[in-house]
Amino acid sequence: MRSDYAEIEKVVKRLLPVNNADAADRHLAWSEWILQGGHEPVLRFIRFKNGTRADDEEILQETLILGYQKVEAGQYEDRNLPFTAFLKKIAWYKIMEASRQGAHEVSFENFIDLPSDEHTHEHEQAEFWKEYESLRAAMGELPTRRATIVSMYEHGYSTGEIAKMLNIREDLVRKEKSLGLRQLREHMPLAQAS
């Protein structure tokens, strides 16, 4: 059963301890929020961002568990951040945690367009895959935060959005992005020449 945004927001207010002193009703509100599809934007975000081997549904479950704990501890105030944005931030940290645990390196498929086998010659395909592997190697040499920022930038996030999601200053995002892109440019010509 899907509900509109206003209905979901009513349920969100019920699951906050500041608005609802009844712990059993707050727990029930979480179930209603899920049944009404409140979690779907978070799951779409995870599916888009998850470049690890960790299952999207597992990351969602971990996100919801940690979200529940934070809400119950009073660490979410609805005036400061929309509820789904609050959960997306937790999901992003869960994805980064899975990445740090060696599940997989950053996904590179969106950095460059994959060639169509029908319209390219073998030589062009070989060159493409050489460049692709070079990019993977170059990204692997970047520090974790720098690689994350470059990846987010390539996925269309603004400097401000990246800063908020990673909880760092915008000038640091700009610096890391600039350094990361410079390192990639420096590495790529060397790989292509070899």
Protein backbone atom coordinates (compact mmCIF):
# COMPACT_ATOMS: atom_id res chain seq x y z
CA MET A 1 0.00 0.00 0.00
CA ARG A 2 1.57 3.30 -1.16
CA SER A 3 0.62 6.64 0.31
CA ASP A 4 1.27 10.20 -0.66
CA TYR A 5 3.98 12.36 0.84
CA ALA A 6 1.67 14.07 3.37
CA GLU A 7 0.57 10.71 4.79
CA ILE A 8 4.15 9.51 5.08
CA GLU A 9 5.13 12.73 6.85
CA LYS A 10 2.36 12.16 9.42
CA VAL A 11 3.78 8.73 10.14
CA VAL A 12 7.32 10.19 10.41
CA LYS A 13 6.08 12.60 13.09
CA ARG A 14 4.64 9.63 15.02
CA LEU A 15 7.92 7.74 15.06
CA LEU A 16 9.79 10.62 16.72
CA PRO A 17 10.04 10.41 20.54
CA VAL A 18 9.67 14.18 20.81
CA ASN A 19 6.19 13.91 19.24
CA ASN A 20 5.11 10.52 20.57
CA ALA A 21 5.83 9.24 24.08
CA ASP A 22 4.35 5.80 23.35
CA ALA A 23 7.30 3.50 22.44
CA ALA A 24 5.00 0.77 21.10
CA ASP A 25 3.24 3.24 18.81
CA ARG A 26 6.60 4.60 17.61
CA HIS A 27 7.63 1.05 16.71
CA LEU A 28 4.32 0.55 14.90
CA ALA A 29 4.87 3.85 13.05
CA TRP A 30 8.15 2.49 11.62
CA SER A 31 6.28 -0.52 10.22
CA GLU A 32 3.61 1.76 8.74
CA TRP A 33 6.27 4.02 7.23
CA ILE A 34 7.81 1.01 5.46
CA LEU A 35 4.41 -0.33 4.31
CA GLN A 36 3.56 3.10 2.87
CA GLY A 37 6.79 3.08 0.84
CA GLY A 38 8.70 5.62 2.92
CA HIS A 39 11.87 3.54 2.55
CA GLU A 40 11.74 3.42 -1.26
CA PRO A 41 13.72 6.65 -1.92
CA VAL A 42 16.42 5.36 0.44
CA LEU A 43 16.56 2.02 -1.37
CA ARG A 44 16.80 3.79 -4.77
CA PHE A 45 19.67 5.88 -3.39
CA ILE A 46 21.44 2.73 -2.16
CA ARG A 47 20.97 0.97 -5.49
CA PHE A 48 22.43 3.97 -7.31
CA LYS A 49 25.38 4.49 -4.96
CA ASN A 50 26.29 0.98 -3.87
CA GLY A 51 29.51 -0.02 -5.65
CA THR A 52 30.30 -2.76 -3.16
CA ARG A 53 29.53 -6.45 -3.09
CA ALA A 54 27.24 -5.87 -0.13
CA ASP A 55 23.58 -6.52 -0.97
CA ASP A 56 21.43 -3.40 -1.35
CA GLU A 57 18.73 -4.84 0.91
CA GLU A 58 21.31 -5.60 3.63
CA ILE A 59 22.56 -2.02 3.52
CA LEU A 60 18.95 -0.83 3.71
CA GLN A 61 18.30 -3.02 6.76
CA GLU A 62 21.46 -1.77 8.49
CA THR A 63 20.47 1.80 7.62
CA LEU A 64 16.99 1.37 9.08
CA ILE A 65 18.31 -0.27 12.24
CA LEU A 66 20.83 2.52 12.83
CA GLY A 67 18.20 5.12 11.87
CA TYR A 68 15.80 3.64 14.42
CA GLN A 69 18.48 3.72 17.12
CA LYS A 70 19.39 7.33 16.33
CA VAL A 71 15.76 8.45 16.27
CA GLU A 72 15.08 6.72 19.59
CA ALA A 73 18.17 8.40 21.05
CA GLY A 74 16.82 11.79 19.94
CA GLN A 75 19.52 12.33 17.31
CA TYR A 76 17.08 13.36 14.57
CA GLU A 77 15.17 16.60 14.54
CA ASP A 78 12.74 16.96 11.65
CA ARG A 79 13.29 20.71 11.25
CA ASN A 80 16.96 20.37 10.34
CA LEU A 81 16.89 17.63 7.71
CA PRO A 82 14.18 15.75 5.80
CA PHE A 83 13.76 12.24 7.16
CA THR A 84 14.75 10.46 3.94
CA ALA A 85 17.86 12.68 3.65
CA PHE A 86 18.75 11.71 7.23
CA LEU A 87 18.47 8.02 6.27
CA LYS A 88 20.35 8.51 2.99
CA LYS A 89 23.23 9.99 4.94
CA ILE A 90 23.30 6.89 7.15
CA ALA A 91 23.08 4.69 4.03
CA TRP A 92 26.04 6.50 2.50
CA TYR A 93 28.13 5.77 5.60
CA LYS A 94 27.02 2.12 5.48
CA ILE A 95 28.13 1.92 1.83
CA MET A 96 31.49 3.49 2.72
CA GLU A 97 31.82 1.04 5.61
CA ALA A 98 31.20 -1.88 3.23
CA SER A 99 33.76 -0.43 0.85
CA ARG A 100 36.37 -0.08 3.60
CA GLN A 101 35.81 -3.68 4.60
CA GLY A 102 37.24 -4.65 1.23
CA ALA A 103 33.94 -5.59 -0.35
CA HIS A 104 34.80 -3.84 -3.63
CA GLU A 105 36.48 -0.77 -4.98
CA VAL A 106 34.62 2.33 -6.19
CA SER A 107 32.40 1.65 -9.21
CA PHE A 108 33.87 3.09 -12.41
CA GLU A 109 31.21 2.15 -14.92
CA ASN A 110 29.74 5.67 -14.92
CA PHE A 111 33.05 7.43 -15.54
CA ILE A 112 33.19 6.50 -19.21
CA ASP A 113 30.72 5.22 -21.77
CA LEU A 114 31.04 1.53 -22.47
CA PRO A 115 31.54 0.85 -26.18
CA SER A 116 28.86 -0.86 -28.21
CA ASP A 117 30.27 -4.10 -29.61
CA GLU A 118 28.27 -3.65 -32.82
CA HIS A 119 29.70 -0.26 -33.82
CA THR A 120 33.34 -0.43 -32.78
CA HIS A 121 36.33 -2.16 -34.26
CA GLU A 122 38.45 -4.57 -32.25
CA HIS A 123 41.23 -1.98 -32.07
CA GLU A 124 38.85 0.65 -30.61
CA GLN A 125 37.52 -1.85 -28.07
CA ALA A 126 41.05 -2.82 -27.04
CA GLU A 127 41.97 0.86 -26.58
CA PHE A 128 38.81 1.47 -24.58
CA TRP A 129 39.50 -1.41 -22.19
CA LYS A 130 43.12 -0.33 -21.81
CA GLU A 131 41.93 3.16 -20.80
CA TYR A 132 39.26 1.67 -18.53
CA GLU A 133 41.78 -0.51 -16.67
CA SER A 134 44.13 2.47 -16.43
CA LEU A 135 41.34 4.53 -14.84
CA ARG A 136 40.57 1.73 -12.38
CA ALA A 137 44.24 1.56 -11.39
CA ALA A 138 44.45 5.35 -11.06
CA MET A 139 41.33 5.49 -8.85
CA GLY A 140 42.77 2.72 -6.70
CA GLU A 141 45.81 4.87 -5.97
CA LEU A 142 43.76 7.80 -4.69
CA PRO A 143 43.20 8.15 -0.94
CA THR A 144 39.77 6.82 0.05
CA ARG A 145 38.13 10.19 0.73
CA ARG A 146 39.52 11.68 -2.49
CA ALA A 147 38.28 8.72 -4.56
CA THR A 148 34.87 9.02 -2.91
CA ILE A 149 34.65 12.74 -3.69
CA VAL A 150 35.73 12.24 -7.32
CA SER A 151 33.18 9.44 -7.70
CA MET A 152 30.39 11.56 -6.21
CA TYR A 153 31.39 14.48 -8.45
CA GLU A 154 31.26 12.21 -11.51
CA HIS A 155 27.78 11.06 -10.43
CA GLY A 156 26.56 14.66 -10.56
CA TYR A 157 26.62 15.72 -6.92
CA SER A 158 27.41 19.38 -6.26
CA THR A 159 30.20 20.53 -3.98
CA GLY A 160 27.63 21.51 -1.34
CA GLU A 161 25.86 18.15 -1.51
CA ILE A 162 29.14 16.26 -1.20
CA ALA A 163 30.19 18.39 1.77
CA LYS A 164 26.88 17.72 3.56
CA MET A 165 26.92 13.99 2.87
CA LEU A 166 30.53 13.57 4.02
CA ASN A 167 30.18 16.14 6.82
CA ILE A 168 33.20 18.17 5.68
CA ARG A 169 33.76 21.76 4.54
CA GLU A 170 33.05 22.76 0.93
CA ASP A 171 36.57 24.14 0.45
CA LEU A 172 37.96 20.74 1.43
CA VAL A 173 35.67 19.06 -1.13
CA ARG A 174 36.91 21.45 -3.85
CA LYS A 175 40.53 20.81 -2.89
CA GLU A 176 40.16 17.02 -2.81
CA LYS A 177 38.21 17.01 -6.09
CA SER A 178 40.86 19.14 -7.79
CA LEU A 179 43.73 17.01 -6.47
CA GLY A 180 41.92 13.78 -7.39
CA LEU A 181 41.16 14.87 -10.96
CA ARG A 182 44.74 16.11 -11.39
CA GLN A 183 46.11 12.77 -10.17
CA LEU A 184 43.85 10.92 -12.60
CA ARG A 185 44.94 13.13 -15.53
CA GLU A 186 48.60 12.63 -14.63
CA HIS A 187 48.20 8.86 -14.37
CA MET A 188 46.17 8.36 -17.54
CA PRO A 189 48.73 9.62 -20.13
CA LEU A 190 51.41 7.41 -18.55
CA ALA A 191 49.19 4.37 -18.79
CA GLN A 192 48.19 5.16 -22.36
CA ALA A 193 51.82 5.61 -23.43
CA SER A 194 52.84 2.21 -22.07
